[in-house]
Amino acid sequence: MKWGAILGISLIVGLLIAMEWNTLCRSSWKTRVAYAVLVLTGWFIAILLVHNPDLPGMTQVLEVIYKPITTFLKIN
């Protein structure tokens, strides 16, 4: 089942790249690099979530990062 989900995610990413290919070819190299980084990061996170769905979300990560600041400022 995990292989099917990984294949589906990869297929969707491939479709996204195929749909934007003409626009990306006419764009600057900075735009192409930014697009590739964003798409590959999203693909990697999606694959990680397929393998381990109990990973903390972005909200939990931000709570851990800002917890010392909120305790210092006494914000509940």
PDB file of N, CA and C in Angstrom:
ATOM      1  N   MET A   1       0.823  -1.200   0.000  1.00  0.00           N
ATOM      2  CA  MET A   1       0.000   0.000   0.000  1.00  0.00           C
ATOM      3  C   MET A   1       0.865   1.261   0.000  1.00  0.00           C
ATOM      4  N   LYS A   2       1.986   1.217   0.726  1.00  0.00           N
ATOM      5  CA  LYS A   2       2.852   2.388   0.754  1.00  0.00           C
ATOM      6  C   LYS A   2       3.447   2.669  -0.620  1.00  0.00           C
ATOM      7  N   TRP A   3       3.763   1.603  -1.350  1.00  0.00           N
ATOM      8  CA  TRP A   3       4.336   1.808  -2.683  1.00  0.00           C
ATOM      9  C   TRP A   3       3.344   2.460  -3.624  1.00  0.00           C
ATOM     10  N   GLY A   4       2.067   2.120  -3.456  1.00  0.00           N
ATOM     11  CA  GLY A   4       1.034   2.751  -4.278  1.00  0.00           C
ATOM     12  C   GLY A   4       0.912   4.234  -3.975  1.00  0.00           C
ATOM     13  N   ALA A   5       0.979   4.584  -2.690  1.00  0.00           N
ATOM     14  CA  ALA A   5       0.902   5.994  -2.300  1.00  0.00           C
ATOM     15  C   ALA A   5       2.125   6.757  -2.804  1.00  0.00           C
ATOM     16  N   ILE A   6       3.296   6.143  -2.688  1.00  0.00           N
ATOM     17  CA  ILE A   6       4.518   6.797  -3.173  1.00  0.00           C
ATOM     18  C   ILE A   6       4.451   6.992  -4.681  1.00  0.00           C
ATOM     19  N   LEU A   7       3.972   5.982  -5.381  1.00  0.00           N
ATOM     20  CA  LEU A   7       3.826   6.101  -6.830  1.00  0.00           C
ATOM     21  C   LEU A   7       2.821   7.189  -7.193  1.00  0.00           C
ATOM     22  N   GLY A   8       1.708   7.257  -6.460  1.00  0.00           N
ATOM     23  CA  GLY A   8       0.709   8.291  -6.714  1.00  0.00           C
ATOM     24  C   GLY A   8       1.243   9.687  -6.468  1.00  0.00           C
ATOM     25  N   ILE A   9       1.976   9.862  -5.369  1.00  0.00           N
ATOM     26  CA  ILE A   9       2.569  11.166  -5.069  1.00  0.00           C
ATOM     27  C   ILE A   9       3.571  11.551  -6.152  1.00  0.00           C
ATOM     28  N   SER A  10       4.400  10.597  -6.553  1.00  0.00           N
ATOM     29  CA  SER A  10       5.390  10.872  -7.596  1.00  0.00           C
ATOM     30  C   SER A  10       4.725  11.201  -8.922  1.00  0.00           C
ATOM     31  N   LEU A  11       3.614  10.537  -9.214  1.00  0.00           N
ATOM     32  CA  LEU A  11       2.877  10.817 -10.444  1.00  0.00           C
ATOM     33  C   LEU A  11       2.304  12.234 -10.421  1.00  0.00           C
ATOM     34  N   ILE A  12       1.770  12.649  -9.290  1.00  0.00           N
ATOM     35  CA  ILE A  12       1.226  14.002  -9.171  1.00  0.00           C
ATOM     36  C   ILE A  12       2.325  15.039  -9.321  1.00  0.00           C
ATOM     37  N   VAL A  13       3.481  14.784  -8.699  1.00  0.00           N
ATOM     38  CA  VAL A  13       4.611  15.714  -8.834  1.00  0.00           C
ATOM     39  C   VAL A  13       5.059  15.768 -10.291  1.00  0.00           C
ATOM     40  N   GLY A  14       5.100  14.626 -10.957  1.00  0.00           N
ATOM     41  CA  GLY A  14       5.458  14.606 -12.370  1.00  0.00           C
ATOM     42  C   GLY A  14       4.474  15.390 -13.225  1.00  0.00           C
ATOM     43  N   LEU A  15       3.190  15.282 -12.905  1.00  0.00           N
ATOM     44  CA  LEU A  15       2.175  16.051 -13.639  1.00  0.00           C
ATOM     45  C   LEU A  15       2.332  17.551 -13.400  1.00  0.00           C
ATOM     46  N   LEU A  16       2.643  17.933 -12.157  1.00  0.00           N
ATOM     47  CA  LEU A  16       2.878  19.346 -11.868  1.00  0.00           C
ATOM     48  C   LEU A  16       4.039  19.895 -12.693  1.00  0.00           C
ATOM     49  N   ILE A  17       5.109  19.136 -12.741  1.00  0.00           N
ATOM     50  CA  ILE A  17       6.280  19.575 -13.512  1.00  0.00           C
ATOM     51  C   ILE A  17       5.951  19.628 -14.999  1.00  0.00           C
ATOM     52  N   ALA A  18       5.221  18.638 -15.502  1.00  0.00           N
ATOM     53  CA  ALA A  18       4.861  18.609 -16.917  1.00  0.00           C
ATOM     54  C   ALA A  18       3.966  19.790 -17.291  1.00  0.00           C
ATOM     55  N   MET A  19       3.032  20.149 -16.397  1.00  0.00           N
ATOM     56  CA  MET A  19       2.127  21.263 -16.683  1.00  0.00           C
ATOM     57  C   MET A  19       2.868  22.602 -16.692  1.00  0.00           C
ATOM     58  N   GLU A  20       3.917  22.747 -15.903  1.00  0.00           N
ATOM     59  CA  GLU A  20       4.645  24.008 -15.807  1.00  0.00           C
ATOM     60  C   GLU A  20       5.891  24.047 -16.683  1.00  0.00           C
ATOM     61  N   TRP A  21       6.154  22.984 -17.426  1.00  0.00           N
ATOM     62  CA  TRP A  21       7.406  22.878 -18.163  1.00  0.00           C
ATOM     63  C   TRP A  21       7.621  24.032 -19.141  1.00  0.00           C
ATOM     64  N   ASN A  22       6.616  24.371 -19.937  1.00  0.00           N
ATOM     65  CA  ASN A  22       6.772  25.446 -20.925  1.00  0.00           C
ATOM     66  C   ASN A  22       7.056  26.780 -20.254  1.00  0.00           C
ATOM     67  N   THR A  23       6.366  27.048 -19.157  1.00  0.00           N
ATOM     68  CA  THR A  23       6.600  28.294 -18.439  1.00  0.00           C
ATOM     69  C   THR A  23       7.989  28.309 -17.825  1.00  0.00           C
ATOM     70  N   LEU A  24       8.410  27.170 -17.285  1.00  0.00           N
ATOM     71  CA  LEU A  24       9.724  27.099 -16.652  1.00  0.00           C
ATOM     72  C   LEU A  24      10.860  27.247 -17.667  1.00  0.00           C
ATOM     73  N   CYS A  25      10.664  26.744 -18.861  1.00  0.00           N
ATOM     74  CA  CYS A  25      11.721  26.859 -19.883  1.00  0.00           C
ATOM     75  C   CYS A  25      11.978  28.306 -20.260  1.00  0.00           C
ATOM     76  N   ARG A  26      10.946  29.142 -20.195  1.00  0.00           N
ATOM     77  CA  ARG A  26      11.099  30.550 -20.542  1.00  0.00           C
ATOM     78  C   ARG A  26      11.505  31.412 -19.353  1.00  0.00           C
ATOM     79  N   SER A  27      11.544  30.826 -18.158  1.00  0.00           N
ATOM     80  CA  SER A  27      11.875  31.580 -16.949  1.00  0.00           C
ATOM     81  C   SER A  27      13.380  31.632 -16.733  1.00  0.00           C
ATOM     82  N   SER A  28      13.771  32.462 -15.789  1.00  0.00           N
ATOM     83  CA  SER A  28      15.193  32.552 -15.446  1.00  0.00           C
ATOM     84  C   SER A  28      15.603  31.307 -14.664  1.00  0.00           C
ATOM     85  N   TRP A  29      16.901  31.120 -14.544  1.00  0.00           N
ATOM     86  CA  TRP A  29      17.390  29.932 -13.843  1.00  0.00           C
ATOM     87  C   TRP A  29      17.052  30.006 -12.364  1.00  0.00           C
ATOM     88  N   LYS A  30      16.944  31.206 -11.794  1.00  0.00           N
ATOM     89  CA  LYS A  30      16.578  31.345 -10.388  1.00  0.00           C
ATOM     90  C   LYS A  30      15.149  30.853 -10.144  1.00  0.00           C
ATOM     91  N   THR A  31      14.277  31.152 -11.067  1.00  0.00           N
ATOM     92  CA  THR A  31      12.892  30.697 -10.943  1.00  0.00           C
ATOM     93  C   THR A  31      12.828  29.181 -11.053  1.00  0.00           C
ATOM     94  N   ARG A  32      13.583  28.611 -11.969  1.00  0.00           N
ATOM     95  CA  ARG A  32      13.596  27.151 -12.118  1.00  0.00           C
ATOM     96  C   ARG A  32      14.158  26.467 -10.886  1.00  0.00           C
ATOM     97  N   VAL A  33      15.207  27.028 -10.304  1.00  0.00           N
ATOM     98  CA  VAL A  33      15.794  26.443  -9.093  1.00  0.00           C
ATOM     99  C   VAL A  33      14.818  26.551  -7.926  1.00  0.00           C
ATOM    100  N   ALA A  34      14.175  27.706  -7.774  1.00  0.00           N
ATOM    101  CA  ALA A  34      13.209  27.881  -6.691  1.00  0.00           C
ATOM    102  C   ALA A  34      12.044  26.906  -6.844  1.00  0.00           C
ATOM    103  N   TYR A  35      11.546  26.750  -8.053  1.00  0.00           N
ATOM    104  CA  TYR A  35      10.453  25.813  -8.301  1.00  0.00           C
ATOM    105  C   TYR A  35      10.883  24.383  -7.982  1.00  0.00           C
ATOM    106  N   ALA A  36      12.072  24.008  -8.403  1.00  0.00           N
ATOM    107  CA  ALA A  36      12.564  22.653  -8.150  1.00  0.00           C
ATOM    108  C   ALA A  36      12.733  22.398  -6.654  1.00  0.00           C
ATOM    109  N   VAL A  37      13.269  23.371  -5.945  1.00  0.00           N
ATOM    110  CA  VAL A  37      13.464  23.203  -4.496  1.00  0.00           C
ATOM    111  C   VAL A  37      12.126  23.048  -3.793  1.00  0.00           C
ATOM    112  N   LEU A  38      11.160  23.879  -4.128  1.00  0.00           N
ATOM    113  CA  LEU A  38       9.852  23.803  -3.481  1.00  0.00           C
ATOM    114  C   LEU A  38       9.132  22.491  -3.796  1.00  0.00           C
ATOM    115  N   VAL A  39       9.167  22.083  -5.052  1.00  0.00           N
ATOM    116  CA  VAL A  39       8.480  20.855  -5.442  1.00  0.00           C
ATOM    117  C   VAL A  39       9.152  19.636  -4.810  1.00  0.00           C
ATOM    118  N   LEU A  40      10.470  19.584  -4.844  1.00  0.00           N
ATOM    119  CA  LEU A  40      11.175  18.438  -4.270  1.00  0.00           C
ATOM    120  C   LEU A  40      11.049  18.388  -2.750  1.00  0.00           C
ATOM    121  N   THR A  41      11.004  19.540  -2.098  1.00  0.00           N
ATOM    122  CA  THR A  41      10.784  19.569  -0.654  1.00  0.00           C
ATOM    123  C   THR A  41       9.395  19.048  -0.314  1.00  0.00           C
ATOM    124  N   GLY A  42       8.395  19.475  -1.053  1.00  0.00           N
ATOM    125  CA  GLY A  42       7.040  18.974  -0.838  1.00  0.00           C
ATOM    126  C   GLY A  42       6.929  17.485  -1.096  1.00  0.00           C
ATOM    127  N   TRP A  43       7.600  17.016  -2.144  1.00  0.00           N
ATOM    128  CA  TRP A  43       7.593  15.587  -2.453  1.00  0.00           C
ATOM    129  C   TRP A  43       8.244  14.791  -1.331  1.00  0.00           C
ATOM    130  N   PHE A  44       9.384  15.275  -0.826  1.00  0.00           N
ATOM    131  CA  PHE A  44      10.100  14.594   0.247  1.00  0.00           C
ATOM    132  C   PHE A  44       9.261  14.532   1.522  1.00  0.00           C
ATOM    133  N   ILE A  45       8.608  15.627   1.883  1.00  0.00           N
ATOM    134  CA  ILE A  45       7.769  15.639   3.083  1.00  0.00           C
ATOM    135  C   ILE A  45       6.584  14.702   2.908  1.00  0.00           C
ATOM    136  N   ALA A  46       5.996  14.659   1.731  1.00  0.00           N
ATOM    137  CA  ALA A  46       4.876  13.749   1.482  1.00  0.00           C
ATOM    138  C   ALA A  46       5.307  12.294   1.617  1.00  0.00           C
ATOM    139  N   ILE A  47       6.484  11.956   1.100  1.00  0.00           N
ATOM    140  CA  ILE A  47       6.990  10.588   1.220  1.00  0.00           C
ATOM    141  C   ILE A  47       7.266  10.254   2.684  1.00  0.00           C
ATOM    142  N   LEU A  48       7.838  11.202   3.423  1.00  0.00           N
ATOM    143  CA  LEU A  48       8.074  10.976   4.851  1.00  0.00           C
ATOM    144  C   LEU A  48       6.772  10.721   5.599  1.00  0.00           C
ATOM    145  N   LEU A  49       5.740  11.468   5.276  1.00  0.00           N
ATOM    146  CA  LEU A  49       4.453  11.291   5.952  1.00  0.00           C
ATOM    147  C   LEU A  49       3.784   9.980   5.581  1.00  0.00           C
ATOM    148  N   VAL A  50       4.059   9.463   4.400  1.00  0.00           N
ATOM    149  CA  VAL A  50       3.528   8.149   4.032  1.00  0.00           C
ATOM    150  C   VAL A  50       4.186   7.073   4.889  1.00  0.00           C
ATOM    151  N   HIS A  51       5.497   7.186   5.077  1.00  0.00           N
ATOM    152  CA  HIS A  51       6.225   6.188   5.857  1.00  0.00           C
ATOM    153  C   HIS A  51       5.979   6.314   7.350  1.00  0.00           C
ATOM    154  N   ASN A  52       5.851   7.547   7.859  1.00  0.00           N
ATOM    155  CA  ASN A  52       5.656   7.761   9.284  1.00  0.00           C
ATOM    156  C   ASN A  52       4.601   8.842   9.498  1.00  0.00           C
ATOM    157  N   PRO A  53       3.322   8.455   9.546  1.00  0.00           N
ATOM    158  CA  PRO A  53       2.260   9.459   9.666  1.00  0.00           C
ATOM    159  C   PRO A  53       2.202  10.134  11.035  1.00  0.00           C
ATOM    160  N   ASP A  54       2.958   9.646  12.019  1.00  0.00           N
ATOM    161  CA  ASP A  54       2.940  10.232  13.355  1.00  0.00           C
ATOM    162  C   ASP A  54       3.973  11.334  13.540  1.00  0.00           C
ATOM    163  N   LEU A  55       4.615  11.760  12.477  1.00  0.00           N
ATOM    164  CA  LEU A  55       5.572  12.856  12.570  1.00  0.00           C
ATOM    165  C   LEU A  55       4.853  14.133  13.007  1.00  0.00           C
ATOM    166  N   PRO A  56       5.529  14.964  13.799  1.00  0.00           N
ATOM    167  CA  PRO A  56       4.873  16.205  14.225  1.00  0.00           C
ATOM    168  C   PRO A  56       4.662  17.150  13.053  1.00  0.00           C
ATOM    169  N   GLY A  57       3.567  17.883  13.133  1.00  0.00           N
ATOM    170  CA  GLY A  57       3.273  18.851  12.094  1.00  0.00           C
ATOM    171  C   GLY A  57       3.985  20.161  12.338  1.00  0.00           C
ATOM    172  N   MET A  58       3.765  21.095  11.457  1.00  0.00           N
ATOM    173  CA  MET A  58       4.448  22.386  11.556  1.00  0.00           C
ATOM    174  C   MET A  58       4.026  23.135  12.815  1.00  0.00           C
ATOM    175  N   THR A  59       2.788  22.994  13.243  1.00  0.00           N
ATOM    176  CA  THR A  59       2.321  23.675  14.444  1.00  0.00           C
ATOM    177  C   THR A  59       3.089  23.212  15.665  1.00  0.00           C
ATOM    178  N   GLN A  60       3.302  21.907  15.790  1.00  0.00           N
ATOM    179  CA  GLN A  60       4.054  21.392  16.935  1.00  0.00           C
ATOM    180  C   GLN A  60       5.504  21.871  16.896  1.00  0.00           C
ATOM    181  N   VAL A  61       6.093  21.943  15.725  1.00  0.00           N
ATOM    182  CA  VAL A  61       7.474  22.417  15.600  1.00  0.00           C
ATOM    183  C   VAL A  61       7.567  23.877  16.023  1.00  0.00           C
ATOM    184  N   LEU A  62       6.618  24.702  15.584  1.00  0.00           N
ATOM    185  CA  LEU A  62       6.634  26.119  15.959  1.00  0.00           C
ATOM    186  C   LEU A  62       6.399  26.307  17.453  1.00  0.00           C
ATOM    187  N   GLU A  63       5.558  25.462  18.064  1.00  0.00           N
ATOM    188  CA  GLU A  63       5.350  25.542  19.509  1.00  0.00           C
ATOM    189  C   GLU A  63       6.641  25.261  20.256  1.00  0.00           C
ATOM    190  N   VAL A  64       7.403  24.284  19.818  1.00  0.00           N
ATOM    191  CA  VAL A  64       8.682  23.964  20.465  1.00  0.00           C
ATOM    192  C   VAL A  64       9.666  25.118  20.295  1.00  0.00           C
ATOM    193  N   ILE A  65       9.680  25.727  19.120  1.00  0.00           N
ATOM    194  CA  ILE A  65      10.620  26.816  18.860  1.00  0.00           C
ATOM    195  C   ILE A  65      10.285  28.043  19.706  1.00  0.00           C
ATOM    196  N   TYR A  66       9.000  28.402  19.796  1.00  0.00           N
ATOM    197  CA  TYR A  66       8.604  29.633  20.463  1.00  0.00           C
ATOM    198  C   TYR A  66       8.237  29.450  21.928  1.00  0.00           C
ATOM    199  N   LYS A  67       8.303  28.252  22.479  1.00  0.00           N
ATOM    200  CA  LYS A  67       7.975  28.012  23.876  1.00  0.00           C
ATOM    201  C   LYS A  67       8.846  28.848  24.819  1.00  0.00           C
ATOM    202  N   PRO A  68      10.181  28.914  24.634  1.00  0.00           N
ATOM    203  CA  PRO A  68      10.987  29.753  25.540  1.00  0.00           C
ATOM    204  C   PRO A  68      10.610  31.232  25.492  1.00  0.00           C
ATOM    205  N   ILE A  69      10.241  31.710  24.322  1.00  0.00           N
ATOM    206  CA  ILE A  69       9.874  33.124  24.196  1.00  0.00           C
ATOM    207  C   ILE A  69       8.564  33.397  24.922  1.00  0.00           C
ATOM    208  N   THR A  70       7.590  32.508  24.772  1.00  0.00           N
ATOM    209  CA  THR A  70       6.297  32.722  25.429  1.00  0.00           C
ATOM    210  C   THR A  70       6.415  32.622  26.943  1.00  0.00           C
ATOM    211  N   THR A  71       7.275  31.730  27.455  1.00  0.00           N
ATOM    212  CA  THR A  71       7.451  31.659  28.902  1.00  0.00           C
ATOM    213  C   THR A  71       8.186  32.895  29.404  1.00  0.00           C
ATOM    214  N   PHE A  72       9.114  33.418  28.620  1.00  0.00           N
ATOM    215  CA  PHE A  72       9.829  34.637  29.016  1.00  0.00           C
ATOM    216  C   PHE A  72       8.881  35.830  29.061  1.00  0.00           C
ATOM    217  N   LEU A  73       7.972  35.911  28.095  1.00  0.00           N
ATOM    218  CA  LEU A  73       7.035  37.031  28.029  1.00  0.00           C
ATOM    219  C   LEU A  73       5.768  36.796  28.836  1.00  0.00           C
ATOM    220  N   LYS A  74       5.636  35.609  29.434  1.00  0.00           N
ATOM    221  CA  LYS A  74       4.476  35.222  30.245  1.00  0.00           C
ATOM    222  C   LYS A  74       3.173  35.272  29.446  1.00  0.00           C
ATOM    223  N   ILE A  75       3.226  34.728  28.226  1.00  0.00           N
ATOM    224  CA  ILE A  75       2.042  34.634  27.369  1.00  0.00           C
ATOM    225  C   ILE A  75       1.491  33.223  27.498  1.00  0.00           C
ATOM    226  N   ASN A  76       0.206  33.112  27.760  1.00  0.00           N
ATOM    227  CA  ASN A  76      -0.422  31.793  27.889  1.00  0.00           C
ATOM    228  C   ASN A  76      -1.065  31.377  26.609  1.00  0.00           C
TER     229      ASN A  76
END
